[in-house]
Amino acid sequence: MFKKLYVLTLILLFSSVFAQGKKDEKAETAKKYVQKGIEFLQKNKHKVENNILYVQVGGKWVTFGEILRDPKYGMKKDEWYLTIFNLDGYQIAHGEKKELEGKNLLDLKDTNGKEFVKDFMKVGEKGEGFVDYTWVNPVSKKIQKKNTYFKRLGKENIIVGSGYYME
């Protein structure tokens, strides 16, 4: 009896450690995507017009959303993409859903009624951090719990985020 309890305890302990390791790995991946987006914006001229973020690439102004959704720039892969807001709650670029760009999403609620975009803004005011909420996974098409990391672009009114699904 004691041996079975001991083995079960070990299995649960290792499962927990493994799950935490996966979560930590995904958190680091989110941070790397965000840093890549920030570095791209720092290296290229950018501007916000009518609540849409534009970047100058090859002498031509294009929406940053177009860049984010283009696989050749390496800022979108499977469930990984960037989401960009200004601190007024406008979605100024999105790596997955073009239809969200230019919209004020401050009052948007997840399936649990959480006004998560307001939490994005709070994190942006502080500089960086994570926000948990539920969102549709673009790969599974299911509503899942998501943890998104945001970082402010220097002193600009822009926050860059990327997250991972926890289920």
N, C-alpha and C. Protein backbone atom coordinates (compact mmCIF):
# COMPACT_ATOMS: atom_id res chain seq x y z
N MET A 1 0.83 -1.19 0.00
CA MET A 1 0.00 0.00 0.00
C MET A 1 0.87 1.26 0.00
N PHE A 2 1.89 1.26 0.88
CA PHE A 2 2.78 2.41 0.97
C PHE A 2 3.54 2.62 -0.35
N LYS A 3 3.97 1.51 -0.99
CA LYS A 3 4.68 1.60 -2.26
C LYS A 3 3.81 2.23 -3.33
N LYS A 4 2.54 1.83 -3.41
CA LYS A 4 1.62 2.37 -4.41
C LYS A 4 1.40 3.86 -4.19
N LEU A 5 1.23 4.25 -2.93
CA LEU A 5 1.04 5.67 -2.60
C LEU A 5 2.29 6.47 -2.95
N TYR A 6 3.45 5.92 -2.67
CA TYR A 6 4.72 6.56 -2.98
C TYR A 6 4.88 6.75 -4.50
N VAL A 7 4.60 5.71 -5.27
CA VAL A 7 4.69 5.77 -6.73
C VAL A 7 3.71 6.79 -7.28
N LEU A 8 2.48 6.78 -6.78
CA LEU A 8 1.47 7.74 -7.22
C LEU A 8 1.91 9.17 -6.92
N THR A 9 2.47 9.38 -5.74
CA THR A 9 2.97 10.71 -5.36
C THR A 9 4.08 11.15 -6.31
N LEU A 10 4.99 10.24 -6.64
CA LEU A 10 6.07 10.57 -7.57
C LEU A 10 5.54 10.92 -8.96
N ILE A 11 4.57 10.17 -9.43
CA ILE A 11 3.97 10.44 -10.74
C ILE A 11 3.33 11.82 -10.75
N LEU A 12 2.58 12.13 -9.72
CA LEU A 12 1.93 13.45 -9.64
C LEU A 12 2.96 14.57 -9.56
N LEU A 13 4.00 14.35 -8.80
CA LEU A 13 5.06 15.35 -8.66
C LEU A 13 5.76 15.60 -10.00
N PHE A 14 6.14 14.53 -10.69
CA PHE A 14 6.81 14.69 -11.98
C PHE A 14 5.88 15.30 -13.02
N SER A 15 4.61 14.94 -13.00
CA SER A 15 3.64 15.53 -13.92
C SER A 15 3.54 17.04 -13.71
N SER A 16 3.51 17.43 -12.45
CA SER A 16 3.42 18.85 -12.11
C SER A 16 4.68 19.60 -12.56
N VAL A 17 5.83 19.00 -12.31
CA VAL A 17 7.10 19.62 -12.72
C VAL A 17 7.17 19.72 -14.24
N PHE A 18 6.75 18.68 -14.96
CA PHE A 18 6.74 18.68 -16.41
C PHE A 18 5.82 19.77 -16.94
N ALA A 19 4.60 19.86 -16.37
CA ALA A 19 3.63 20.87 -16.81
C ALA A 19 4.17 22.27 -16.57
N GLN A 20 4.81 22.50 -15.43
CA GLN A 20 5.38 23.81 -15.13
C GLN A 20 6.51 24.13 -16.11
N GLY A 21 7.30 23.12 -16.45
CA GLY A 21 8.38 23.32 -17.42
C GLY A 21 7.85 23.71 -18.78
N LYS A 22 6.75 23.08 -19.23
CA LYS A 22 6.12 23.42 -20.51
C LYS A 22 5.59 24.84 -20.47
N LYS A 23 4.97 25.22 -19.34
CA LYS A 23 4.42 26.57 -19.20
C LYS A 23 5.55 27.59 -19.27
N ASP A 24 6.65 27.32 -18.56
CA ASP A 24 7.80 28.23 -18.58
C ASP A 24 8.38 28.36 -19.99
N GLU A 25 8.45 27.24 -20.70
CA GLU A 25 8.97 27.23 -22.06
C GLU A 25 8.08 28.08 -22.98
N LYS A 26 6.77 27.94 -22.83
CA LYS A 26 5.85 28.72 -23.65
C LYS A 26 5.92 30.21 -23.30
N ALA A 27 6.08 30.51 -22.03
CA ALA A 27 6.21 31.92 -21.61
C ALA A 27 7.45 32.55 -22.24
N GLU A 28 8.54 31.80 -22.29
CA GLU A 28 9.76 32.31 -22.91
C GLU A 28 9.58 32.50 -24.41
N THR A 29 8.85 31.59 -25.05
CA THR A 29 8.58 31.74 -26.48
C THR A 29 7.75 33.00 -26.74
N ALA A 30 6.75 33.24 -25.90
CA ALA A 30 5.94 34.46 -26.04
C ALA A 30 6.83 35.70 -25.93
N LYS A 31 7.71 35.71 -24.97
CA LYS A 31 8.61 36.85 -24.80
C LYS A 31 9.51 37.05 -26.03
N LYS A 32 9.97 35.95 -26.62
CA LYS A 32 10.83 36.04 -27.81
C LYS A 32 10.07 36.63 -28.99
N TYR A 33 8.81 36.20 -29.17
CA TYR A 33 8.00 36.76 -30.26
C TYR A 33 7.80 38.26 -30.04
N VAL A 34 7.47 38.65 -28.82
CA VAL A 34 7.27 40.07 -28.51
C VAL A 34 8.54 40.86 -28.79
N GLN A 35 9.67 40.34 -28.36
CA GLN A 35 10.94 41.04 -28.58
C GLN A 35 11.23 41.19 -30.07
N LYS A 36 10.91 40.16 -30.84
CA LYS A 36 11.11 40.24 -32.29
C LYS A 36 10.26 41.35 -32.90
N GLY A 37 9.01 41.46 -32.46
CA GLY A 37 8.13 42.52 -32.94
C GLY A 37 8.62 43.90 -32.55
N ILE A 38 9.08 44.03 -31.31
CA ILE A 38 9.60 45.31 -30.83
C ILE A 38 10.84 45.71 -31.63
N GLU A 39 11.74 44.77 -31.84
CA GLU A 39 12.96 45.07 -32.61
C GLU A 39 12.63 45.48 -34.04
N PHE A 40 11.64 44.83 -34.64
CA PHE A 40 11.23 45.20 -35.99
C PHE A 40 10.74 46.65 -36.02
N LEU A 41 9.93 47.02 -35.04
CA LEU A 41 9.40 48.39 -34.99
C LEU A 41 10.50 49.40 -34.69
N GLN A 42 11.45 49.02 -33.86
CA GLN A 42 12.55 49.93 -33.56
C GLN A 42 13.46 50.16 -34.77
N LYS A 43 13.58 49.16 -35.64
CA LYS A 43 14.45 49.27 -36.81
C LYS A 43 13.78 49.93 -38.01
N ASN A 44 12.46 49.97 -38.01
CA ASN A 44 11.73 50.51 -39.16
C ASN A 44 10.87 51.69 -38.73
N LYS A 45 10.80 52.70 -39.60
CA LYS A 45 9.91 53.83 -39.32
C LYS A 45 8.49 53.29 -39.18
N HIS A 46 7.76 53.85 -38.22
CA HIS A 46 6.38 53.43 -38.03
C HIS A 46 5.54 54.62 -37.58
N LYS A 47 4.24 54.50 -37.83
CA LYS A 47 3.31 55.55 -37.46
C LYS A 47 1.93 54.93 -37.27
N VAL A 48 1.10 55.61 -36.50
CA VAL A 48 -0.28 55.17 -36.31
C VAL A 48 -1.18 56.22 -36.94
N GLU A 49 -2.02 55.77 -37.86
CA GLU A 49 -3.02 56.64 -38.49
C GLU A 49 -4.37 55.95 -38.44
N ASN A 50 -5.37 56.68 -37.99
CA ASN A 50 -6.73 56.13 -37.86
C ASN A 50 -6.72 54.81 -37.10
N ASN A 51 -5.91 54.76 -36.04
CA ASN A 51 -5.81 53.60 -35.16
C ASN A 51 -5.32 52.33 -35.85
N ILE A 52 -4.52 52.50 -36.90
CA ILE A 52 -3.86 51.39 -37.59
C ILE A 52 -2.36 51.68 -37.57
N LEU A 53 -1.55 50.68 -37.24
CA LEU A 53 -0.10 50.83 -37.21
C LEU A 53 0.48 50.53 -38.60
N TYR A 54 1.26 51.47 -39.10
CA TYR A 54 1.93 51.33 -40.39
C TYR A 54 3.44 51.30 -40.17
N VAL A 55 4.13 50.54 -41.01
CA VAL A 55 5.59 50.51 -41.00
C VAL A 55 6.09 50.77 -42.41
N GLN A 56 7.27 51.35 -42.48
CA GLN A 56 7.87 51.60 -43.78
C GLN A 56 8.86 50.48 -44.08
N VAL A 57 8.57 49.75 -45.14
CA VAL A 57 9.41 48.61 -45.54
C VAL A 57 9.73 48.79 -47.03
N GLY A 58 11.02 48.84 -47.33
CA GLY A 58 11.43 49.01 -48.73
C GLY A 58 10.91 50.30 -49.34
N GLY A 59 10.83 51.36 -48.54
CA GLY A 59 10.37 52.66 -49.03
C GLY A 59 8.86 52.78 -49.17
N LYS A 60 8.12 51.74 -48.78
CA LYS A 60 6.67 51.73 -48.93
C LYS A 60 6.01 51.55 -47.56
N TRP A 61 4.93 52.30 -47.32
CA TRP A 61 4.19 52.17 -46.06
C TRP A 61 3.15 51.05 -46.20
N VAL A 62 3.19 50.10 -45.27
CA VAL A 62 2.22 49.00 -45.23
C VAL A 62 1.73 48.85 -43.78
N THR A 63 0.57 48.23 -43.63
CA THR A 63 0.10 48.01 -42.26
C THR A 63 1.01 46.98 -41.60
N PHE A 64 1.23 47.17 -40.32
CA PHE A 64 2.06 46.21 -39.59
C PHE A 64 1.36 44.85 -39.53
N GLY A 65 0.03 44.86 -39.54
CA GLY A 65 -0.72 43.61 -39.56
C GLY A 65 -0.36 42.76 -40.76
N GLU A 66 -0.15 43.40 -41.93
CA GLU A 66 0.26 42.66 -43.13
C GLU A 66 1.60 41.97 -42.90
N ILE A 67 2.52 42.68 -42.26
CA ILE A 67 3.83 42.12 -41.95
C ILE A 67 3.67 40.95 -40.98
N LEU A 68 2.86 41.14 -39.95
CA LEU A 68 2.68 40.10 -38.94
C LEU A 68 2.09 38.82 -39.51
N ARG A 69 1.21 38.97 -40.48
CA ARG A 69 0.55 37.80 -41.06
C ARG A 69 1.35 37.14 -42.18
N ASP A 70 2.45 37.76 -42.58
CA ASP A 70 3.29 37.22 -43.65
C ASP A 70 4.37 36.32 -43.03
N PRO A 71 4.31 35.02 -43.30
CA PRO A 71 5.25 34.08 -42.68
C PRO A 71 6.73 34.40 -42.93
N LYS A 72 7.04 35.10 -44.01
CA LYS A 72 8.46 35.35 -44.31
C LYS A 72 9.13 36.24 -43.26
N TYR A 73 8.35 36.97 -42.46
CA TYR A 73 8.93 37.83 -41.42
C TYR A 73 9.11 37.08 -40.10
N GLY A 74 8.59 35.86 -40.00
CA GLY A 74 8.82 35.02 -38.83
C GLY A 74 8.13 35.46 -37.56
N MET A 75 7.04 36.20 -37.67
CA MET A 75 6.31 36.64 -36.48
C MET A 75 4.95 35.96 -36.36
N LYS A 76 4.75 34.88 -37.12
CA LYS A 76 3.53 34.09 -37.05
C LYS A 76 3.86 32.65 -37.40
N LYS A 77 3.44 31.75 -36.52
CA LYS A 77 3.63 30.32 -36.78
C LYS A 77 2.63 29.55 -35.91
N ASP A 78 1.80 28.75 -36.56
CA ASP A 78 0.79 27.95 -35.87
C ASP A 78 -0.05 28.85 -34.96
N GLU A 79 -0.05 28.59 -33.66
CA GLU A 79 -0.85 29.40 -32.74
C GLU A 79 -0.13 30.67 -32.28
N TRP A 80 1.11 30.84 -32.71
CA TRP A 80 1.91 32.00 -32.29
C TRP A 80 1.74 33.16 -33.26
N TYR A 81 1.38 34.32 -32.73
CA TYR A 81 1.27 35.54 -33.51
C TYR A 81 1.36 36.73 -32.56
N LEU A 82 1.52 37.92 -33.12
CA LEU A 82 1.60 39.14 -32.30
C LEU A 82 0.28 39.89 -32.36
N THR A 83 -0.01 40.56 -31.26
CA THR A 83 -1.17 41.45 -31.16
C THR A 83 -0.67 42.78 -30.63
N ILE A 84 -1.05 43.87 -31.30
CA ILE A 84 -0.52 45.19 -30.95
C ILE A 84 -1.68 46.13 -30.63
N PHE A 85 -1.56 46.83 -29.51
CA PHE A 85 -2.58 47.79 -29.08
C PHE A 85 -1.93 49.13 -28.82
N ASN A 86 -2.74 50.19 -28.88
CA ASN A 86 -2.29 51.43 -28.26
C ASN A 86 -2.90 51.45 -26.86
N LEU A 87 -2.45 52.34 -26.01
CA LEU A 87 -2.89 52.33 -24.62
C LEU A 87 -4.29 52.91 -24.42
N ASP A 88 -4.96 53.26 -25.54
CA ASP A 88 -6.36 53.68 -25.47
C ASP A 88 -7.29 52.50 -25.75
N GLY A 89 -6.73 51.33 -25.98
CA GLY A 89 -7.53 50.13 -26.20
C GLY A 89 -7.81 49.79 -27.65
N TYR A 90 -7.18 50.50 -28.57
CA TYR A 90 -7.36 50.20 -29.99
C TYR A 90 -6.41 49.10 -30.43
N GLN A 91 -6.96 48.14 -31.16
CA GLN A 91 -6.16 47.07 -31.76
C GLN A 91 -5.54 47.68 -33.01
N ILE A 92 -4.26 48.02 -32.97
CA ILE A 92 -3.65 48.74 -34.09
C ILE A 92 -2.97 47.79 -35.09
N ALA A 93 -2.78 46.53 -34.71
CA ALA A 93 -2.28 45.49 -35.62
C ALA A 93 -2.57 44.14 -34.98
N HIS A 94 -2.82 43.15 -35.81
CA HIS A 94 -3.09 41.81 -35.30
C HIS A 94 -2.54 40.78 -36.28
N GLY A 95 -1.81 39.81 -35.76
CA GLY A 95 -1.17 38.82 -36.59
C GLY A 95 -2.07 37.69 -37.06
N GLU A 96 -3.30 37.67 -36.61
CA GLU A 96 -4.22 36.60 -36.98
C GLU A 96 -5.52 37.12 -37.57
N LYS A 97 -6.09 38.17 -36.96
CA LYS A 97 -7.42 38.63 -37.35
C LYS A 97 -7.39 40.09 -37.82
N LYS A 98 -7.28 40.27 -39.11
CA LYS A 98 -7.24 41.61 -39.70
C LYS A 98 -8.48 42.43 -39.33
N GLU A 99 -9.62 41.75 -39.20
CA GLU A 99 -10.88 42.45 -38.93
C GLU A 99 -10.91 43.16 -37.57
N LEU A 100 -9.98 42.86 -36.68
CA LEU A 100 -9.91 43.53 -35.38
C LEU A 100 -9.15 44.86 -35.45
N GLU A 101 -8.35 45.04 -36.48
CA GLU A 101 -7.50 46.23 -36.58
C GLU A 101 -8.33 47.50 -36.71
N GLY A 102 -7.91 48.51 -35.94
CA GLY A 102 -8.58 49.81 -35.97
C GLY A 102 -9.76 49.91 -35.02
N LYS A 103 -10.09 48.84 -34.34
CA LYS A 103 -11.25 48.83 -33.44
C LYS A 103 -10.83 49.03 -31.99
N ASN A 104 -11.67 49.76 -31.26
CA ASN A 104 -11.45 49.90 -29.83
C ASN A 104 -12.05 48.68 -29.15
N LEU A 105 -11.21 47.90 -28.49
CA LEU A 105 -11.64 46.64 -27.87
C LEU A 105 -11.62 46.71 -26.35
N LEU A 106 -11.57 47.93 -25.81
CA LEU A 106 -11.44 48.12 -24.37
C LEU A 106 -12.53 47.40 -23.58
N ASP A 107 -13.73 47.34 -24.10
CA ASP A 107 -14.83 46.70 -23.38
C ASP A 107 -15.06 45.24 -23.78
N LEU A 108 -14.16 44.69 -24.61
CA LEU A 108 -14.29 43.30 -25.03
C LEU A 108 -14.18 42.36 -23.83
N LYS A 109 -15.06 41.37 -23.79
CA LYS A 109 -15.06 40.40 -22.68
C LYS A 109 -14.77 39.01 -23.23
N ASP A 110 -14.08 38.21 -22.41
CA ASP A 110 -13.87 36.82 -22.79
C ASP A 110 -15.11 36.01 -22.41
N THR A 111 -15.06 34.71 -22.60
CA THR A 111 -16.24 33.87 -22.35
C THR A 111 -16.63 33.82 -20.87
N ASN A 112 -15.74 34.26 -20.00
CA ASN A 112 -16.04 34.31 -18.56
C ASN A 112 -16.47 35.69 -18.10
N GLY A 113 -16.62 36.62 -19.05
CA GLY A 113 -17.04 37.98 -18.71
C GLY A 113 -15.92 38.90 -18.29
N LYS A 114 -14.68 38.47 -18.41
CA LYS A 114 -13.52 39.28 -18.03
C LYS A 114 -13.21 40.30 -19.12
N GLU A 115 -13.09 41.56 -18.74
CA GLU A 115 -12.71 42.63 -19.67
C GLU A 115 -11.18 42.65 -19.76
N PHE A 116 -10.66 41.68 -20.48
CA PHE A 116 -9.22 41.42 -20.49
C PHE A 116 -8.39 42.50 -21.17
N VAL A 117 -8.97 43.24 -22.12
CA VAL A 117 -8.20 44.29 -22.79
C VAL A 117 -7.84 45.39 -21.79
N LYS A 118 -8.72 45.63 -20.84
CA LYS A 118 -8.40 46.61 -19.78
C LYS A 118 -7.17 46.14 -18.99
N ASP A 119 -7.07 44.82 -18.79
CA ASP A 119 -5.88 44.29 -18.11
C ASP A 119 -4.63 44.46 -18.97
N PHE A 120 -4.78 44.33 -20.30
CA PHE A 120 -3.65 44.59 -21.20
C PHE A 120 -3.13 46.01 -20.98
N MET A 121 -4.06 46.96 -20.87
CA MET A 121 -3.68 48.36 -20.71
C MET A 121 -2.95 48.58 -19.39
N LYS A 122 -3.42 47.93 -18.32
CA LYS A 122 -2.76 48.06 -17.01
C LYS A 122 -1.33 47.53 -17.09
N VAL A 123 -1.15 46.40 -17.75
CA VAL A 123 0.19 45.84 -17.92
C VAL A 123 1.05 46.80 -18.73
N GLY A 124 0.49 47.36 -19.80
CA GLY A 124 1.22 48.30 -20.63
C GLY A 124 1.67 49.53 -19.86
N GLU A 125 0.81 50.02 -18.99
CA GLU A 125 1.17 51.19 -18.17
C GLU A 125 2.36 50.87 -17.27
N LYS A 126 2.43 49.64 -16.78
CA LYS A 126 3.54 49.21 -15.91
C LYS A 126 4.81 48.93 -16.69
N GLY A 127 4.66 48.57 -17.97
CA GLY A 127 5.83 48.27 -18.79
C GLY A 127 5.78 46.89 -19.43
N GLU A 128 5.48 45.85 -18.62
CA GLU A 128 5.39 44.50 -19.17
C GLU A 128 4.76 43.57 -18.15
N GLY A 129 4.25 42.43 -18.67
CA GLY A 129 3.66 41.43 -17.80
C GLY A 129 2.71 40.51 -18.56
N PHE A 130 2.12 39.57 -17.84
CA PHE A 130 1.22 38.57 -18.41
C PHE A 130 -0.22 38.82 -18.02
N VAL A 131 -1.16 38.43 -18.89
CA VAL A 131 -2.60 38.51 -18.63
C VAL A 131 -3.22 37.17 -19.05
N ASP A 132 -4.03 36.59 -18.15
CA ASP A 132 -4.77 35.35 -18.45
C ASP A 132 -6.19 35.70 -18.86
N TYR A 133 -6.72 34.98 -19.85
CA TYR A 133 -8.10 35.15 -20.31
C TYR A 133 -8.44 33.98 -21.23
N THR A 134 -9.64 33.94 -21.78
CA THR A 134 -9.98 32.89 -22.74
C THR A 134 -10.10 33.51 -24.13
N TRP A 135 -9.71 32.71 -25.15
CA TRP A 135 -9.70 33.19 -26.53
C TRP A 135 -9.77 31.99 -27.46
N VAL A 136 -10.17 32.22 -28.70
CA VAL A 136 -10.26 31.13 -29.68
C VAL A 136 -8.86 30.79 -30.20
N ASN A 137 -8.48 29.54 -30.05
CA ASN A 137 -7.21 29.05 -30.56
C ASN A 137 -7.33 28.92 -32.08
N PRO A 138 -6.47 29.62 -32.86
CA PRO A 138 -6.60 29.57 -34.32
C PRO A 138 -6.30 28.19 -34.91
N VAL A 139 -5.63 27.33 -34.19
CA VAL A 139 -5.32 26.00 -34.69
C VAL A 139 -6.46 25.02 -34.38
N SER A 140 -6.87 24.97 -33.10
CA SER A 140 -7.92 24.01 -32.70
C SER A 140 -9.33 24.54 -32.94
N LYS A 141 -9.45 25.87 -33.09
CA LYS A 141 -10.74 26.56 -33.25
C LYS A 141 -11.60 26.45 -31.99
N LYS A 142 -11.01 26.08 -30.88
CA LYS A 142 -11.72 25.95 -29.61
C LYS A 142 -11.40 27.14 -28.71
N ILE A 143 -12.34 27.50 -27.84
CA ILE A 143 -12.08 28.53 -26.84
C ILE A 143 -11.24 27.89 -25.75
N GLN A 144 -10.09 28.51 -25.48
CA GLN A 144 -9.17 27.97 -24.50
C GLN A 144 -8.62 29.08 -23.61
N LYS A 145 -8.11 28.68 -22.47
CA LYS A 145 -7.45 29.63 -21.58
C LYS A 145 -6.14 30.04 -22.24
N LYS A 146 -5.87 31.33 -22.22
CA LYS A 146 -4.67 31.86 -22.86
C LYS A 146 -3.93 32.76 -21.88
N ASN A 147 -2.62 32.76 -21.99
CA ASN A 147 -1.76 33.62 -21.18
C ASN A 147 -0.93 34.44 -22.15
N THR A 148 -1.10 35.76 -22.13
CA THR A 148 -0.42 36.63 -23.09
C THR A 148 0.53 37.58 -22.39
N TYR A 149 1.72 37.67 -22.95
CA TYR A 149 2.76 38.57 -22.45
C TYR A 149 2.72 39.85 -23.27
N PHE A 150 2.72 40.99 -22.58
CA PHE A 150 2.77 42.30 -23.23
C PHE A 150 3.97 43.08 -22.75
N LYS A 151 4.53 43.85 -23.69
CA LYS A 151 5.62 44.75 -23.35
C LYS A 151 5.41 46.06 -24.10
N ARG A 152 5.63 47.15 -23.39
CA ARG A 152 5.48 48.47 -24.00
C ARG A 152 6.66 48.78 -24.90
N LEU A 153 6.38 49.43 -26.01
CA LEU A 153 7.41 49.83 -26.96
C LEU A 153 8.03 51.14 -26.47
N GLY A 154 9.07 51.01 -25.66
CA GLY A 154 9.74 52.18 -25.09
C GLY A 154 8.76 53.06 -24.35
N LYS A 155 8.76 54.35 -24.68
CA LYS A 155 7.83 55.28 -24.05
C LYS A 155 6.63 55.58 -24.94
N GLU A 156 6.55 54.86 -26.06
CA GLU A 156 5.44 55.07 -26.99
C GLU A 156 4.13 54.54 -26.39
N ASN A 157 3.05 54.93 -27.02
CA ASN A 157 1.70 54.56 -26.60
C ASN A 157 1.31 53.20 -27.22
N ILE A 158 2.28 52.30 -27.35
CA ILE A 158 2.09 51.03 -28.06
C ILE A 158 2.54 49.88 -27.17
N ILE A 159 1.72 48.80 -27.12
CA ILE A 159 2.12 47.58 -26.43
C ILE A 159 2.07 46.42 -27.42
N VAL A 160 3.04 45.54 -27.30
CA VAL A 160 3.20 44.39 -28.19
C VAL A 160 2.99 43.13 -27.36
N GLY A 161 2.14 42.23 -27.84
CA GLY A 161 1.88 41.02 -27.08
C GLY A 161 1.90 39.75 -27.90
N SER A 162 2.15 38.64 -27.22
CA SER A 162 2.05 37.31 -27.81
C SER A 162 1.74 36.35 -26.67
N GLY A 163 0.92 35.36 -26.95
CA GLY A 163 0.53 34.46 -25.88
C GLY A 163 0.47 33.02 -26.30
N TYR A 164 0.11 32.21 -25.32
CA TYR A 164 0.04 30.77 -25.55
C TYR A 164 -1.22 30.21 -24.88
N TYR A 165 -1.68 29.11 -25.44
CA TYR A 165 -2.86 28.43 -24.92
C TYR A 165 -2.41 27.41 -23.89
N MET A 166 -3.13 27.34 -22.79
CA MET A 166 -2.69 26.54 -21.66
C MET A 166 -3.34 25.16 -21.59
N GLU A 167 -4.18 24.81 -22.51
CA GLU A 167 -4.84 23.50 -22.45
C GLU A 167 -4.36 22.61 -23.57
